[in-house]
Amino acid sequence: MDQLKYSKEDAERAYDDVINSFNERGTLPTKWMPVFWEIAVASGDVKQAWPESQLLDRRFIDTFDQWAPK
């Protein structure tokens, strides 16, 4: 709410819209990554989409079964 200047109602609606795209392992929502990169390129933040290895440290994701509560 603070960062995006959302009202409580809008923040709750946005949360409900995106929460199912995430999982407890921390993988990226692959369905939405093309849109993310399209916006990032259009805004000039990046010149092209980055490979996952440049964006995400997979150490916790790849070892999830070793440390996550059962």
C-alpha atoms as a PDB file:
ATOM      1  CA  MET A   1       0.000   0.000   0.000  1.00  0.00           C
ATOM      2  CA  ASP A   2       2.774   2.417   0.911  1.00  0.00           C
ATOM      3  CA  GLN A   3       4.994   1.847  -2.105  1.00  0.00           C
ATOM      4  CA  LEU A   4       2.241   1.718  -4.725  1.00  0.00           C
ATOM      5  CA  LYS A   5       0.031   4.293  -2.985  1.00  0.00           C
ATOM      6  CA  TYR A   6      -2.903   1.847  -3.029  1.00  0.00           C
ATOM      7  CA  SER A   7      -5.907   2.172  -0.788  1.00  0.00           C
ATOM      8  CA  LYS A   8      -6.490  -0.781   1.512  1.00  0.00           C
ATOM      9  CA  GLU A   9      -9.317  -2.021  -0.724  1.00  0.00           C
ATOM     10  CA  ASP A  10      -7.212  -1.789  -3.909  1.00  0.00           C
ATOM     11  CA  ALA A  11      -4.237  -3.458  -2.213  1.00  0.00           C
ATOM     12  CA  GLU A  12      -6.405  -6.354  -1.062  1.00  0.00           C
ATOM     13  CA  ARG A  13      -7.849  -6.781  -4.557  1.00  0.00           C
ATOM     14  CA  ALA A  14      -4.373  -6.668  -6.136  1.00  0.00           C
ATOM     15  CA  TYR A  15      -3.101  -9.215  -3.607  1.00  0.00           C
ATOM     16  CA  ASP A  16      -6.013 -11.545  -4.345  1.00  0.00           C
ATOM     17  CA  ASP A  17      -5.340 -11.195  -8.092  1.00  0.00           C
ATOM     18  CA  VAL A  18      -1.676 -12.227  -7.896  1.00  0.00           C
ATOM     19  CA  ILE A  19      -1.256 -14.488  -4.871  1.00  0.00           C
ATOM     20  CA  ASN A  20      -2.141 -17.672  -6.762  1.00  0.00           C
ATOM     21  CA  SER A  21       0.703 -16.965  -9.209  1.00  0.00           C
ATOM     22  CA  PHE A  22       3.230 -17.494  -6.412  1.00  0.00           C
ATOM     23  CA  ASN A  23       4.199 -20.679  -4.640  1.00  0.00           C
ATOM     24  CA  GLU A  24       6.036 -21.453  -1.435  1.00  0.00           C
ATOM     25  CA  ARG A  25       9.173 -22.532  -3.299  1.00  0.00           C
ATOM     26  CA  GLY A  26       9.758 -19.025  -4.652  1.00  0.00           C
ATOM     27  CA  THR A  27       9.741 -19.786  -8.358  1.00  0.00           C
ATOM     28  CA  LEU A  28       8.885 -16.959 -10.717  1.00  0.00           C
ATOM     29  CA  PRO A  29       5.364 -16.791 -12.164  1.00  0.00           C
ATOM     30  CA  THR A  30       6.338 -17.926 -15.672  1.00  0.00           C
ATOM     31  CA  LYS A  31       2.902 -17.070 -17.053  1.00  0.00           C
ATOM     32  CA  TRP A  32       3.506 -13.376 -16.298  1.00  0.00           C
ATOM     33  CA  MET A  33       7.229 -13.005 -16.962  1.00  0.00           C
ATOM     34  CA  PRO A  34       6.777 -11.996 -20.631  1.00  0.00           C
ATOM     35  CA  VAL A  35       4.527  -9.131 -19.494  1.00  0.00           C
ATOM     36  CA  PHE A  36       7.038  -8.165 -16.793  1.00  0.00           C
ATOM     37  CA  TRP A  37       9.853  -8.009 -19.342  1.00  0.00           C
ATOM     38  CA  GLU A  38       7.722  -6.144 -21.875  1.00  0.00           C
ATOM     39  CA  ILE A  39       7.037  -3.450 -19.277  1.00  0.00           C
ATOM     40  CA  ALA A  40      10.665  -3.352 -18.109  1.00  0.00           C
ATOM     41  CA  VAL A  41      11.936  -2.921 -21.681  1.00  0.00           C
ATOM     42  CA  ALA A  42       9.268  -0.332 -22.564  1.00  0.00           C
ATOM     43  CA  SER A  43      10.131   1.726 -19.480  1.00  0.00           C
ATOM     44  CA  GLY A  44      13.823   1.658 -20.371  1.00  0.00           C
ATOM     45  CA  ASP A  45      14.837  -0.211 -17.220  1.00  0.00           C
ATOM     46  CA  VAL A  46      16.464  -2.955 -19.321  1.00  0.00           C
ATOM     47  CA  LYS A  47      17.310  -3.395 -22.989  1.00  0.00           C
ATOM     48  CA  GLN A  48      16.054  -6.987 -23.172  1.00  0.00           C
ATOM     49  CA  ALA A  49      14.760  -9.779 -20.950  1.00  0.00           C
ATOM     50  CA  TRP A  50      17.405 -11.217 -18.654  1.00  0.00           C
ATOM     51  CA  PRO A  51      18.126 -14.899 -18.310  1.00  0.00           C
ATOM     52  CA  GLU A  52      16.720 -16.338 -15.090  1.00  0.00           C
ATOM     53  CA  SER A  53      20.240 -16.759 -13.686  1.00  0.00           C
ATOM     54  CA  GLN A  54      20.729 -12.976 -13.781  1.00  0.00           C
ATOM     55  CA  LEU A  55      17.439 -12.280 -12.031  1.00  0.00           C
ATOM     56  CA  LEU A  56      17.043 -15.119  -9.549  1.00  0.00           C
ATOM     57  CA  ASP A  57      19.305 -16.944  -7.111  1.00  0.00           C
ATOM     58  CA  ARG A  58      17.912 -20.482  -7.138  1.00  0.00           C
ATOM     59  CA  ARG A  59      19.867 -21.791  -4.119  1.00  0.00           C
ATOM     60  CA  PHE A  60      16.869 -21.747  -1.777  1.00  0.00           C
ATOM     61  CA  ILE A  61      14.434 -22.907  -4.451  1.00  0.00           C
ATOM     62  CA  ASP A  62      16.591 -25.851  -5.495  1.00  0.00           C
ATOM     63  CA  THR A  63      17.189 -26.987  -1.898  1.00  0.00           C
ATOM     64  CA  PHE A  64      13.628 -26.401  -0.677  1.00  0.00           C
ATOM     65  CA  ASP A  65      13.034 -30.053   0.216  1.00  0.00           C
ATOM     66  CA  GLN A  66      16.130 -30.033   2.413  1.00  0.00           C
ATOM     67  CA  TRP A  67      15.231 -27.079   4.637  1.00  0.00           C
ATOM     68  CA  ALA A  68      11.485 -26.478   4.400  1.00  0.00           C
ATOM     69  CA  PRO A  69       9.272 -27.633   7.268  1.00  0.00           C
ATOM     70  CA  LYS A  70       7.489 -30.884   6.525  1.00  0.00           C
END
